[in-house]
Amino acid sequence: MREMLELLEAKIKELEKENEVLKRQTFSYEEYARLQKRLKDLQRRHSEFWGIILNPSIPSLNPVGPMLSSALPPGPEVSFYLFQEEQLQKELSLLRKRLEELETTQRKQLQDLGPSRE
């Protein structure tokens, strides 16, 4: 009987510890709703951001660029323009790289938030 009593007491302690762990891991409904709202807001902002970046209706940064280089004779203005164009291309390349890194980071954060519990 003593052995059974000790086993039952050990089982009760084990269950109490499991219960404590579960209480610490669960969220209240308010916390869950707040996290859901934040997730939806982040997803909306992410979509808007990429919509702006990838929107084809936005005109190119300098639509007269090709016409300028062929219409003007070579000179300091053209070389300065080509230098600016090269700088712009480098900046765009860096921006694309940063955006890809940001997307990767945001995807990781989205995964860290866990699956949707809707």
N, C-alpha and C. Protein backbone atom coordinates (compact mmCIF):
# COMPACT_ATOMS: atom_id res chain seq x y z
N MET A 1 0.82 -1.19 0.00
CA MET A 1 0.00 0.00 0.00
C MET A 1 0.87 1.26 0.00
N ARG A 2 1.97 1.20 0.79
CA ARG A 2 2.86 2.37 0.82
C ARG A 2 3.47 2.64 -0.56
N GLU A 3 3.87 1.58 -1.22
CA GLU A 3 4.45 1.74 -2.55
C GLU A 3 3.42 2.36 -3.51
N MET A 4 2.20 1.89 -3.43
CA MET A 4 1.14 2.44 -4.28
C MET A 4 0.90 3.91 -3.95
N LEU A 5 0.90 4.23 -2.66
CA LEU A 5 0.70 5.61 -2.24
C LEU A 5 1.84 6.49 -2.74
N GLU A 6 3.08 6.01 -2.65
CA GLU A 6 4.23 6.77 -3.14
C GLU A 6 4.15 6.96 -4.66
N LEU A 7 3.76 5.91 -5.38
CA LEU A 7 3.60 6.02 -6.83
C LEU A 7 2.53 7.02 -7.20
N LEU A 8 1.41 7.00 -6.48
CA LEU A 8 0.34 7.95 -6.75
C LEU A 8 0.77 9.38 -6.44
N GLU A 9 1.49 9.57 -5.35
CA GLU A 9 1.97 10.90 -5.01
C GLU A 9 2.97 11.40 -6.06
N ALA A 10 3.82 10.52 -6.54
CA ALA A 10 4.78 10.90 -7.58
C ALA A 10 4.03 11.25 -8.87
N LYS A 11 3.01 10.47 -9.18
CA LYS A 11 2.21 10.75 -10.38
C LYS A 11 1.50 12.08 -10.25
N ILE A 12 0.97 12.38 -9.07
CA ILE A 12 0.29 13.67 -8.83
C ILE A 12 1.29 14.81 -9.01
N LYS A 13 2.48 14.69 -8.46
CA LYS A 13 3.50 15.73 -8.62
C LYS A 13 3.87 15.92 -10.09
N GLU A 14 4.01 14.80 -10.79
CA GLU A 14 4.34 14.88 -12.21
C GLU A 14 3.24 15.59 -12.99
N LEU A 15 1.99 15.26 -12.70
CA LEU A 15 0.88 15.91 -13.38
C LEU A 15 0.79 17.39 -13.03
N GLU A 16 1.07 17.74 -11.78
CA GLU A 16 1.06 19.15 -11.39
C GLU A 16 2.13 19.93 -12.15
N LYS A 17 3.31 19.35 -12.31
CA LYS A 17 4.38 20.02 -13.05
C LYS A 17 4.01 20.18 -14.52
N GLU A 18 3.40 19.14 -15.10
CA GLU A 18 2.96 19.25 -16.49
C GLU A 18 1.91 20.35 -16.63
N ASN A 19 1.02 20.44 -15.66
CA ASN A 19 -0.02 21.46 -15.67
C ASN A 19 0.60 22.85 -15.60
N GLU A 20 1.61 23.04 -14.77
CA GLU A 20 2.30 24.33 -14.67
C GLU A 20 2.95 24.71 -16.00
N VAL A 21 3.59 23.75 -16.64
CA VAL A 21 4.23 24.00 -17.93
C VAL A 21 3.18 24.40 -18.96
N LEU A 22 2.07 23.68 -18.99
CA LEU A 22 1.01 24.00 -19.95
C LEU A 22 0.42 25.38 -19.69
N LYS A 23 0.27 25.75 -18.44
CA LYS A 23 -0.26 27.07 -18.13
C LYS A 23 0.67 28.17 -18.62
N ARG A 24 1.98 27.94 -18.53
CA ARG A 24 2.93 28.94 -18.99
C ARG A 24 2.97 29.03 -20.51
N GLN A 25 2.64 27.95 -21.20
CA GLN A 25 2.73 27.93 -22.66
C GLN A 25 1.47 28.45 -23.33
N THR A 26 0.36 28.44 -22.67
CA THR A 26 -0.88 28.85 -23.32
C THR A 26 -1.06 30.35 -23.25
N PHE A 27 -1.84 30.87 -24.18
CA PHE A 27 -2.14 32.29 -24.24
C PHE A 27 -3.59 32.50 -23.84
N SER A 28 -3.83 33.64 -23.28
CA SER A 28 -5.22 34.01 -23.03
C SER A 28 -5.86 34.35 -24.37
N TYR A 29 -7.18 34.39 -24.40
CA TYR A 29 -7.88 34.73 -25.64
C TYR A 29 -7.50 36.13 -26.09
N GLU A 30 -7.35 37.05 -25.15
CA GLU A 30 -6.99 38.43 -25.50
C GLU A 30 -5.60 38.48 -26.14
N GLU A 31 -4.67 37.73 -25.57
CA GLU A 31 -3.31 37.69 -26.12
C GLU A 31 -3.33 37.07 -27.51
N TYR A 32 -4.09 36.00 -27.67
CA TYR A 32 -4.21 35.36 -28.97
C TYR A 32 -4.81 36.32 -30.00
N ALA A 33 -5.86 37.02 -29.62
CA ALA A 33 -6.51 37.97 -30.54
C ALA A 33 -5.55 39.09 -30.90
N ARG A 34 -4.78 39.57 -29.93
CA ARG A 34 -3.81 40.63 -30.19
C ARG A 34 -2.73 40.15 -31.16
N LEU A 35 -2.23 38.92 -30.95
CA LEU A 35 -1.21 38.38 -31.84
C LEU A 35 -1.77 38.14 -33.25
N GLN A 36 -3.02 37.68 -33.35
CA GLN A 36 -3.66 37.48 -34.65
C GLN A 36 -3.78 38.81 -35.39
N LYS A 37 -4.21 39.85 -34.67
CA LYS A 37 -4.37 41.17 -35.27
C LYS A 37 -3.01 41.69 -35.75
N ARG A 38 -1.99 41.50 -34.94
CA ARG A 38 -0.64 41.95 -35.30
C ARG A 38 -0.13 41.19 -36.53
N LEU A 39 -0.37 39.89 -36.56
CA LEU A 39 0.04 39.08 -37.70
C LEU A 39 -0.65 39.55 -38.97
N LYS A 40 -1.95 39.77 -38.91
CA LYS A 40 -2.69 40.23 -40.09
C LYS A 40 -2.19 41.60 -40.54
N ASP A 41 -1.89 42.48 -39.59
CA ASP A 41 -1.38 43.80 -39.93
C ASP A 41 -0.02 43.68 -40.62
N LEU A 42 0.85 42.82 -40.08
CA LEU A 42 2.17 42.63 -40.69
C LEU A 42 2.03 42.02 -42.09
N GLN A 43 1.11 41.08 -42.26
CA GLN A 43 0.90 40.50 -43.58
C GLN A 43 0.37 41.55 -44.55
N ARG A 44 -0.55 42.39 -44.11
CA ARG A 44 -1.10 43.44 -44.96
C ARG A 44 0.00 44.43 -45.36
N ARG A 45 0.81 44.84 -44.38
CA ARG A 45 1.89 45.78 -44.66
C ARG A 45 2.91 45.18 -45.61
N HIS A 46 3.20 43.90 -45.42
CA HIS A 46 4.13 43.20 -46.29
C HIS A 46 3.59 43.17 -47.72
N SER A 47 2.31 42.86 -47.87
CA SER A 47 1.69 42.82 -49.19
C SER A 47 1.70 44.20 -49.84
N GLU A 48 1.37 45.23 -49.08
CA GLU A 48 1.39 46.59 -49.61
C GLU A 48 2.80 46.97 -50.05
N PHE A 49 3.78 46.62 -49.24
CA PHE A 49 5.17 46.94 -49.54
C PHE A 49 5.57 46.30 -50.87
N TRP A 50 5.32 45.00 -51.01
CA TRP A 50 5.69 44.33 -52.25
C TRP A 50 4.85 44.82 -53.42
N GLY A 51 3.61 45.20 -53.16
CA GLY A 51 2.78 45.75 -54.22
C GLY A 51 3.36 47.03 -54.77
N ILE A 52 3.88 47.86 -53.89
CA ILE A 52 4.51 49.11 -54.31
C ILE A 52 5.81 48.83 -55.06
N ILE A 53 6.60 47.91 -54.54
CA ILE A 53 7.89 47.61 -55.16
C ILE A 53 7.71 46.95 -56.53
N LEU A 54 6.77 46.05 -56.63
CA LEU A 54 6.63 45.27 -57.86
C LEU A 54 5.55 45.79 -58.81
N ASN A 55 4.92 46.90 -58.49
CA ASN A 55 3.82 47.41 -59.30
C ASN A 55 4.34 47.84 -60.67
N PRO A 56 3.88 47.20 -61.73
CA PRO A 56 4.39 47.56 -63.05
C PRO A 56 3.81 48.87 -63.58
N SER A 57 2.77 49.42 -62.95
CA SER A 57 2.19 50.66 -63.45
C SER A 57 3.01 51.88 -63.06
N ILE A 58 3.97 51.70 -62.17
CA ILE A 58 4.84 52.82 -61.81
C ILE A 58 5.83 53.03 -62.96
N PRO A 59 5.94 54.25 -63.47
CA PRO A 59 6.87 54.49 -64.58
C PRO A 59 8.30 54.26 -64.14
N SER A 60 9.15 53.95 -65.10
CA SER A 60 10.55 53.71 -64.78
C SER A 60 11.16 54.99 -64.22
N LEU A 61 12.28 54.84 -63.56
CA LEU A 61 12.89 55.97 -62.87
C LEU A 61 13.31 57.09 -63.81
N ASN A 62 13.79 56.73 -65.00
CA ASN A 62 14.20 57.75 -65.95
C ASN A 62 13.89 57.26 -67.36
N PRO A 63 12.67 57.49 -67.85
CA PRO A 63 12.28 56.93 -69.13
C PRO A 63 13.01 57.53 -70.32
N VAL A 64 13.65 58.67 -70.16
CA VAL A 64 14.37 59.28 -71.29
C VAL A 64 15.82 58.84 -71.34
N GLY A 65 16.22 57.94 -70.47
CA GLY A 65 17.62 57.52 -70.41
C GLY A 65 18.16 57.00 -71.72
N PRO A 66 17.54 55.99 -72.34
CA PRO A 66 18.08 55.49 -73.60
C PRO A 66 18.07 56.54 -74.70
N MET A 67 17.06 57.38 -74.74
CA MET A 67 16.99 58.42 -75.77
C MET A 67 18.10 59.44 -75.58
N LEU A 68 18.41 59.74 -74.32
CA LEU A 68 19.42 60.75 -74.02
C LEU A 68 20.79 60.31 -74.52
N SER A 69 21.15 59.06 -74.25
CA SER A 69 22.48 58.62 -74.64
C SER A 69 22.64 58.53 -76.16
N SER A 70 21.57 58.25 -76.89
CA SER A 70 21.69 58.16 -78.34
C SER A 70 21.48 59.51 -79.01
N ALA A 71 20.77 60.43 -78.37
CA ALA A 71 20.46 61.72 -79.00
C ALA A 71 21.55 62.76 -78.80
N LEU A 72 22.30 62.66 -77.72
CA LEU A 72 23.31 63.67 -77.44
C LEU A 72 24.68 63.21 -77.91
N PRO A 73 25.48 64.13 -78.36
CA PRO A 73 26.85 63.74 -78.71
C PRO A 73 27.63 63.46 -77.43
N PRO A 74 28.65 62.62 -77.54
CA PRO A 74 29.44 62.32 -76.34
C PRO A 74 30.05 63.59 -75.78
N GLY A 75 30.03 63.68 -74.50
CA GLY A 75 30.58 64.85 -73.84
C GLY A 75 30.47 64.68 -72.34
N PRO A 76 30.80 65.73 -71.58
CA PRO A 76 30.77 65.62 -70.12
C PRO A 76 29.36 65.35 -69.59
N GLU A 77 28.33 65.92 -70.25
CA GLU A 77 26.97 65.70 -69.76
C GLU A 77 26.58 64.24 -69.87
N VAL A 78 26.92 63.63 -70.99
CA VAL A 78 26.57 62.22 -71.20
C VAL A 78 27.36 61.34 -70.26
N SER A 79 28.65 61.60 -70.09
CA SER A 79 29.43 60.76 -69.20
C SER A 79 28.95 60.91 -67.75
N PHE A 80 28.55 62.14 -67.39
CA PHE A 80 27.99 62.34 -66.06
C PHE A 80 26.68 61.57 -65.91
N TYR A 81 25.85 61.62 -66.96
CA TYR A 81 24.59 60.88 -66.94
C TYR A 81 24.86 59.38 -66.81
N LEU A 82 25.82 58.87 -67.58
CA LEU A 82 26.14 57.44 -67.52
C LEU A 82 26.67 57.06 -66.14
N PHE A 83 27.45 57.97 -65.54
CA PHE A 83 27.94 57.73 -64.19
C PHE A 83 26.77 57.65 -63.21
N GLN A 84 25.83 58.60 -63.35
CA GLN A 84 24.65 58.59 -62.48
C GLN A 84 23.83 57.33 -62.69
N GLU A 85 23.69 56.93 -63.95
CA GLU A 85 22.93 55.72 -64.27
C GLU A 85 23.59 54.49 -63.65
N GLU A 86 24.91 54.43 -63.72
CA GLU A 86 25.65 53.31 -63.12
C GLU A 86 25.45 53.29 -61.60
N GLN A 87 25.53 54.47 -60.99
CA GLN A 87 25.32 54.56 -59.55
C GLN A 87 23.90 54.10 -59.19
N LEU A 88 22.94 54.53 -59.98
CA LEU A 88 21.55 54.15 -59.75
C LEU A 88 21.37 52.64 -59.85
N GLN A 89 22.01 52.03 -60.85
CA GLN A 89 21.91 50.58 -61.01
C GLN A 89 22.53 49.86 -59.81
N LYS A 90 23.66 50.37 -59.31
CA LYS A 90 24.28 49.78 -58.12
C LYS A 90 23.35 49.90 -56.92
N GLU A 91 22.76 51.08 -56.75
CA GLU A 91 21.85 51.28 -55.62
C GLU A 91 20.63 50.38 -55.74
N LEU A 92 20.11 50.23 -56.95
CA LEU A 92 18.96 49.34 -57.15
C LEU A 92 19.32 47.89 -56.85
N SER A 93 20.52 47.51 -57.23
CA SER A 93 20.98 46.16 -56.96
C SER A 93 21.08 45.92 -55.45
N LEU A 94 21.65 46.90 -54.75
CA LEU A 94 21.75 46.79 -53.29
C LEU A 94 20.36 46.77 -52.65
N LEU A 95 19.46 47.58 -53.18
CA LEU A 95 18.10 47.62 -52.66
C LEU A 95 17.41 46.28 -52.86
N ARG A 96 17.56 45.69 -54.04
CA ARG A 96 16.97 44.37 -54.29
C ARG A 96 17.50 43.34 -53.30
N LYS A 97 18.81 43.39 -53.07
CA LYS A 97 19.42 42.44 -52.14
C LYS A 97 18.86 42.64 -50.73
N ARG A 98 18.75 43.89 -50.31
CA ARG A 98 18.21 44.18 -48.98
C ARG A 98 16.75 43.75 -48.87
N LEU A 99 15.99 43.95 -49.95
CA LEU A 99 14.59 43.54 -49.95
C LEU A 99 14.46 42.02 -49.86
N GLU A 100 15.32 41.30 -50.56
CA GLU A 100 15.30 39.85 -50.48
C GLU A 100 15.65 39.39 -49.06
N GLU A 101 16.63 40.04 -48.45
CA GLU A 101 16.99 39.70 -47.07
C GLU A 101 15.83 40.01 -46.13
N LEU A 102 15.17 41.14 -46.35
CA LEU A 102 14.02 41.50 -45.53
C LEU A 102 12.90 40.49 -45.69
N GLU A 103 12.66 40.07 -46.92
CA GLU A 103 11.61 39.08 -47.16
C GLU A 103 11.94 37.78 -46.44
N THR A 104 13.19 37.36 -46.51
CA THR A 104 13.61 36.14 -45.83
C THR A 104 13.40 36.28 -44.32
N THR A 105 13.79 37.42 -43.78
CA THR A 105 13.62 37.67 -42.35
C THR A 105 12.15 37.66 -41.97
N GLN A 106 11.32 38.31 -42.78
CA GLN A 106 9.89 38.36 -42.48
C GLN A 106 9.26 36.98 -42.58
N ARG A 107 9.68 36.19 -43.54
CA ARG A 107 9.15 34.82 -43.64
C ARG A 107 9.53 34.02 -42.41
N LYS A 108 10.77 34.19 -41.94
CA LYS A 108 11.22 33.48 -40.74
C LYS A 108 10.41 33.93 -39.53
N GLN A 109 10.17 35.24 -39.41
CA GLN A 109 9.38 35.73 -38.29
C GLN A 109 7.96 35.21 -38.36
N LEU A 110 7.42 35.12 -39.56
CA LEU A 110 6.08 34.60 -39.75
C LEU A 110 6.02 33.13 -39.33
N GLN A 111 7.05 32.37 -39.68
CA GLN A 111 7.11 30.97 -39.28
C GLN A 111 7.26 30.86 -37.77
N ASP A 112 8.04 31.77 -37.17
CA ASP A 112 8.24 31.74 -35.72
C ASP A 112 6.95 32.03 -34.97
N LEU A 113 6.05 32.80 -35.57
CA LEU A 113 4.77 33.07 -34.93
C LEU A 113 3.91 31.82 -34.88
N GLY A 114 4.20 30.87 -35.73
CA GLY A 114 3.48 29.61 -35.73
C GLY A 114 2.34 29.61 -36.69
N PRO A 115 1.72 28.45 -36.84
CA PRO A 115 0.60 28.34 -37.77
C PRO A 115 -0.60 29.13 -37.29
N SER A 116 -1.40 29.56 -38.24
CA SER A 116 -2.60 30.33 -37.93
C SER A 116 -3.59 29.43 -37.21
N ARG A 117 -4.25 29.98 -36.19
CA ARG A 117 -5.21 29.19 -35.40
C ARG A 117 -6.62 29.67 -35.64
N GLU A 118 -6.93 30.08 -36.84
CA GLU A 118 -8.25 30.61 -37.14
C GLU A 118 -9.29 29.52 -37.13
